[in-house]
Amino acid sequence: MTMSDVTPVRVLIVDDQAMVRGSFRVLVDHTPGMTAVGEAANGAEAVELARRERPDVVLMDVRMPGLDGIEATRQICSDPALSGVRVLILTTFDLDEYVYAALRAGAAGFLLKDTPPTEVLTAIGVVAAGEALLAPSVTRRLIAEFARRPEPARPPSRSLDGTTDRELEVLGLIARGLSNTEIAEQLHLSLATVKTHIGRLLAKLSSRDRAQLVIVAYETGLVGDRRRGV
């Protein structure tokens, strides 16, 4: 199969700065296997274009006039008609509140704008393939943020009922930012077995992707809960 036989990854670029949009468009359009299908200057335009173009990946800025990137992400990810659209957050603001809000809104990835171009392209490919992606520095800060939070005053809205001990082990390692290969090595499992456990976790916990599993692990107290040994 040649490159021309492969359907390109369709990318929608969202940023309130025309120069930034143009730079990302050039980067995407000059990458084999990818094509830009549109540009949006704010969240409202992003939602409209996502519904019209049905891109594979939306490169989404956070701070924009009017509808911001977090709310636009929430609208896109909650629309059943856009279930195949993945959102990759790109921002200059490496702040915990944005990471958490973006993941809660349904984003599949979170990168900083100073990420090298080759890594941005790799991230687009990873997200388009259905995986979730967090910059290592973001993952570390997210973990630290949850570790500082006091115990919830009321039971979490999510439950881990129905998950096996092995699935809980896998979920805990996902929340710590380990890759499938690293999880397989640590638990002495095959890569295929790890993927099977993750698939079951996604189904049992009604999670859209790996990033959502991270949120579940923290909100249920699995990570950092010494009673579970995770």
Protein backbone atom coordinates (compact mmCIF):
# COMPACT_ATOMS: atom_id res chain seq x y z
CA MET A 1 0.00 0.00 0.00
CA THR A 2 1.39 3.41 -0.95
CA MET A 3 0.98 6.68 0.94
CA SER A 4 -1.53 7.82 -1.66
CA ASP A 5 -3.72 4.84 -0.75
CA VAL A 6 -3.92 5.88 2.89
CA THR A 7 -6.73 8.20 3.94
CA PRO A 8 -5.04 11.28 5.42
CA VAL A 9 -5.66 12.40 8.98
CA ARG A 10 -7.97 15.40 8.71
CA VAL A 11 -7.06 18.22 11.10
CA LEU A 12 -9.01 21.30 12.18
CA ILE A 13 -6.83 24.11 13.58
CA VAL A 14 -8.28 26.41 16.26
CA ASP A 15 -6.45 29.47 17.58
CA ASP A 16 -7.33 33.14 17.94
CA GLN A 17 -4.01 34.22 16.39
CA ALA A 18 -3.91 34.05 12.60
CA MET A 19 -0.14 33.60 12.55
CA VAL A 20 -0.33 30.59 14.85
CA ARG A 21 -3.10 29.02 12.77
CA GLY A 22 -1.12 29.60 9.60
CA SER A 23 2.00 28.03 11.08
CA PHE A 24 0.17 24.91 12.16
CA ARG A 25 -1.60 24.69 8.79
CA VAL A 26 1.69 24.76 6.91
CA LEU A 27 3.11 22.14 9.27
CA VAL A 28 0.11 19.82 8.82
CA ASP A 29 -0.28 20.30 5.06
CA HIS A 30 3.41 19.56 4.45
CA THR A 31 3.26 16.31 6.39
CA PRO A 32 2.50 13.17 4.37
CA GLY A 33 -0.65 11.50 5.60
CA MET A 34 -2.18 14.67 7.06
CA THR A 35 -4.29 17.51 5.72
CA ALA A 36 -5.81 20.64 7.27
CA VAL A 37 -9.57 20.87 6.67
CA GLY A 38 -10.14 24.31 8.16
CA GLU A 39 -9.23 27.03 10.62
CA ALA A 40 -11.26 28.60 13.42
CA ALA A 41 -10.49 31.75 15.42
CA ASN A 42 -12.69 30.95 18.41
CA GLY A 43 -14.60 28.17 20.10
CA ALA A 44 -17.93 28.84 18.41
CA GLU A 45 -16.33 28.60 14.96
CA ALA A 46 -14.53 25.43 16.06
CA VAL A 47 -17.77 23.71 17.02
CA GLU A 48 -19.44 24.79 13.78
CA LEU A 49 -16.54 23.61 11.62
CA ALA A 50 -16.23 20.34 13.54
CA ARG A 51 -19.88 19.58 12.80
CA ARG A 52 -19.48 20.47 9.15
CA GLU A 53 -16.08 18.94 8.37
CA ARG A 54 -15.99 16.02 10.84
CA PRO A 55 -12.18 16.19 11.25
CA ASP A 56 -10.23 13.35 12.84
CA VAL A 57 -8.36 15.71 15.17
CA VAL A 58 -9.01 19.25 16.40
CA LEU A 59 -5.93 21.24 17.49
CA MET A 60 -7.62 23.39 20.12
CA ASP A 61 -6.33 26.56 21.76
CA VAL A 62 -7.60 27.28 25.29
CA ARG A 63 -7.84 31.05 25.75
CA MET A 64 -9.94 32.60 23.00
CA PRO A 65 -12.54 35.38 22.89
CA GLY A 66 -16.15 34.35 23.33
CA LEU A 67 -16.44 30.59 23.62
CA ASP A 68 -13.12 29.30 24.98
CA GLY A 69 -11.36 26.08 24.05
CA ILE A 70 -12.54 24.16 27.11
CA GLU A 71 -16.22 24.78 26.44
CA ALA A 72 -15.75 24.15 22.71
CA THR A 73 -14.08 20.84 23.58
CA ARG A 74 -16.98 19.95 25.84
CA GLN A 75 -19.54 20.67 23.12
CA ILE A 76 -17.64 18.68 20.51
CA CYS A 77 -16.94 15.68 22.74
CA SER A 78 -20.49 15.49 24.10
CA ASP A 79 -22.09 15.51 20.63
CA PRO A 80 -22.92 11.91 19.60
CA ALA A 81 -22.65 12.93 15.94
CA LEU A 82 -19.01 13.86 16.53
CA SER A 83 -17.97 10.70 18.37
CA GLY A 84 -15.12 10.17 15.92
CA VAL A 85 -13.64 13.64 16.46
CA ARG A 86 -10.68 13.83 18.84
CA VAL A 87 -9.50 17.04 20.51
CA LEU A 88 -5.83 17.81 21.17
CA ILE A 89 -5.38 20.83 23.42
CA LEU A 90 -2.46 23.13 22.59
CA THR A 91 -1.76 26.04 24.90
CA THR A 92 0.99 28.26 26.28
CA PHE A 93 -0.55 28.00 29.74
CA ASP A 94 0.87 25.01 31.62
CA LEU A 95 -1.64 25.32 34.46
CA ASP A 96 -3.29 22.48 36.34
CA GLU A 97 -6.75 24.03 36.09
CA TYR A 98 -6.59 23.86 32.29
CA VAL A 99 -5.30 20.30 32.23
CA TYR A 100 -8.03 19.04 34.52
CA ALA A 101 -10.79 21.04 32.82
CA ALA A 102 -9.67 19.92 29.36
CA LEU A 103 -9.63 16.25 30.34
CA ARG A 104 -13.01 16.53 32.05
CA ALA A 105 -14.35 18.15 28.88
CA GLY A 106 -13.25 15.10 26.88
CA ALA A 107 -9.90 16.13 25.39
CA ALA A 108 -7.76 13.21 24.28
CA GLY A 109 -4.47 15.07 24.61
CA PHE A 110 -2.78 18.11 26.07
CA LEU A 111 0.45 19.66 24.78
CA LEU A 112 2.18 23.00 25.21
CA LYS A 113 2.69 25.29 22.22
CA ASP A 114 6.45 25.18 22.66
CA THR A 115 6.38 21.44 21.93
CA PRO A 116 8.74 20.72 18.99
CA PRO A 117 6.88 20.44 15.64
CA THR A 118 7.84 16.79 15.16
CA GLU A 119 6.31 15.95 18.55
CA VAL A 120 3.12 17.84 17.70
CA LEU A 121 2.78 15.80 14.51
CA THR A 122 3.41 12.60 16.44
CA ALA A 123 0.74 13.66 18.94
CA ILE A 124 -1.77 14.22 16.14
CA GLY A 125 -1.08 10.72 14.86
CA VAL A 126 -1.40 9.18 18.33
CA VAL A 127 -4.69 10.94 19.05
CA ALA A 128 -6.08 10.15 15.60
CA ALA A 129 -5.34 6.47 16.22
CA GLY A 130 -7.58 6.53 19.28
CA GLU A 131 -4.96 6.83 21.99
CA ALA A 132 -4.73 9.54 24.63
CA LEU A 133 -1.68 11.71 25.07
CA LEU A 134 -0.39 13.96 27.82
CA ALA A 135 2.91 15.80 27.83
CA PRO A 136 5.15 14.21 30.52
CA SER A 137 5.46 17.50 32.40
CA VAL A 138 1.67 17.86 32.37
CA THR A 139 1.16 14.33 33.68
CA ARG A 140 3.55 14.97 36.58
CA ARG A 141 1.79 18.20 37.52
CA LEU A 142 -1.63 16.58 37.26
CA ILE A 143 -0.54 13.85 39.67
CA ALA A 144 0.88 16.43 42.09
CA GLU A 145 -2.33 18.46 41.94
CA PHE A 146 -4.53 15.50 42.87
CA ALA A 147 -2.10 14.44 45.60
CA ARG A 148 -2.57 17.86 47.27
CA ARG A 149 -6.34 17.66 47.27
CA PRO A 150 -8.11 16.73 50.53
CA GLU A 151 -10.28 13.64 50.75
CA PRO A 152 -13.72 14.31 49.18
CA ALA A 153 -16.47 15.12 51.65
CA ARG A 154 -18.90 12.91 49.80
CA PRO A 155 -18.60 9.70 47.78
CA PRO A 156 -17.27 10.19 44.23
CA SER A 157 -19.74 10.23 41.37
CA ARG A 158 -17.86 7.39 39.70
CA SER A 159 -17.47 3.86 41.05
CA LEU A 160 -14.90 1.13 40.47
CA ASP A 161 -17.43 -1.60 41.24
CA GLY A 162 -17.14 -4.50 38.83
CA THR A 163 -13.44 -4.05 38.10
CA THR A 164 -11.01 -6.86 38.91
CA ASP A 165 -7.88 -6.50 41.02
CA ARG A 166 -5.73 -6.79 37.89
CA GLU A 167 -7.76 -4.11 36.12
CA LEU A 168 -7.28 -1.83 39.12
CA GLU A 169 -3.52 -2.40 38.91
CA VAL A 170 -3.56 -1.45 35.24
CA LEU A 171 -5.73 1.60 35.93
CA GLY A 172 -3.36 2.81 38.64
CA LEU A 173 -0.38 2.56 36.30
CA ILE A 174 -2.27 4.36 33.52
CA ALA A 175 -2.95 7.19 35.96
CA ARG A 176 0.76 7.44 36.70
CA GLY A 177 1.48 7.99 33.01
CA LEU A 178 2.92 4.59 32.09
CA SER A 179 2.66 3.42 28.49
CA ASN A 180 1.17 0.05 27.54
CA THR A 181 4.67 -1.36 27.08
CA GLU A 182 5.77 -0.12 30.51
CA ILE A 183 2.64 -1.55 32.13
CA ALA A 184 3.27 -4.90 30.46
CA GLU A 185 6.85 -4.96 31.76
CA GLN A 186 5.90 -3.96 35.30
CA LEU A 187 3.06 -6.47 35.62
CA HIS A 188 4.83 -9.20 33.59
CA LEU A 189 2.00 -9.36 31.07
CA SER A 190 1.92 -9.48 27.30
CA LEU A 191 1.15 -6.26 25.44
CA ALA A 192 -2.01 -7.85 24.05
CA THR A 193 -3.21 -8.68 27.57
CA VAL A 194 -2.63 -5.10 28.72
CA LYS A 195 -4.65 -3.80 25.77
CA THR A 196 -7.45 -6.22 26.65
CA HIS A 197 -7.53 -4.96 30.25
CA ILE A 198 -7.63 -1.36 29.05
CA GLY A 199 -10.48 -2.13 26.67
CA ARG A 200 -12.46 -3.67 29.52
CA LEU A 201 -11.75 -0.68 31.76
CA LEU A 202 -13.00 1.71 29.09
CA ALA A 203 -16.23 -0.26 28.81
CA LYS A 204 -16.80 -0.81 32.54
CA LEU A 205 -16.01 2.78 33.51
CA SER A 206 -17.87 4.36 30.58
CA SER A 207 -14.71 6.22 29.58
CA ARG A 208 -14.08 7.72 26.18
CA ASP A 209 -10.33 7.08 26.16
CA ARG A 210 -7.17 6.71 28.24
CA ALA A 211 -7.27 10.33 29.42
CA GLN A 212 -10.71 9.76 30.89
CA LEU A 213 -9.40 6.71 32.74
CA VAL A 214 -6.84 8.99 34.42
CA ILE A 215 -9.65 11.20 35.68
CA VAL A 216 -11.61 8.18 36.99
CA ALA A 217 -8.55 6.90 38.86
CA TYR A 218 -8.13 10.20 40.67
CA GLU A 219 -11.79 10.96 41.30
CA THR A 220 -12.44 7.55 42.85
CA GLY A 221 -9.38 7.80 45.08
CA LEU A 222 -7.65 4.82 43.48
CA VAL A 223 -4.42 6.72 43.02
CA GLY A 224 -2.84 7.74 46.30
CA ASP A 225 -5.17 5.51 48.31
CA ARG A 226 -2.88 3.45 50.54
CA ARG A 227 -5.68 1.06 51.41
CA ARG A 228 -5.50 -0.22 47.85
CA GLY A 229 -1.74 -0.14 47.75
CA VAL A 230 -1.75 1.87 44.51
